[in-house]
Amino acid sequence: MAISNDAEFKRTLASLAVPRQRQVAARFVQAVFPLSGDARIKTALDAAVRPDVSDGELAMAAQAANTARVESFTRCGRETDWRAQAGHFVAKAAAACVKSETQGENLAWEAAMQARLARTCETVAEGTGTDNREAEAQYRSLEAFLNS
């Protein structure tokens, strides 16, 4: 199945059980992880990809990712530091991967959108504008995940 737009992408993500949403969401975040490098985010991603992760481990990972998110927000400051902002969105994406399950919520979609924002901040910081191919990369990543 070739995914070619966000409507198909979101629908496909929503059809996955939450543990699989966590796993594919972690793939999206891993693609932008170098924009942060925070060890707490890595810990959250490691938990998200494990099919046997316990609720307690998810709660600890969520707390760590949320702390990274809050700390990265404070680093952004009043004058926009686009690289710091990218790190903040990476932390938000990681937090989405491990947050507690809520009926009808699409964790993978939330993580994907935050990862796209991180990539956009990176391209703005580099002076190349807002054009990037993160959405298409996510479509291909989801296809590979579904075929594995």
Foldseek 3Di string as FASTA:
>chain_A
DFDDDDVVVQVVLLPDDLLLLLQLLLVLLVVLCVLAVDVLLVQLSVQSNDSPRDLVSLVVSLVSLVVQLVVLVVVCDPPGDLSSQLNNLSSQLSNLSRPDDDPPDRSSVRSLVSSLSSVQSVCVNVVNHRDDCSVVVSSVSVVVSVVD
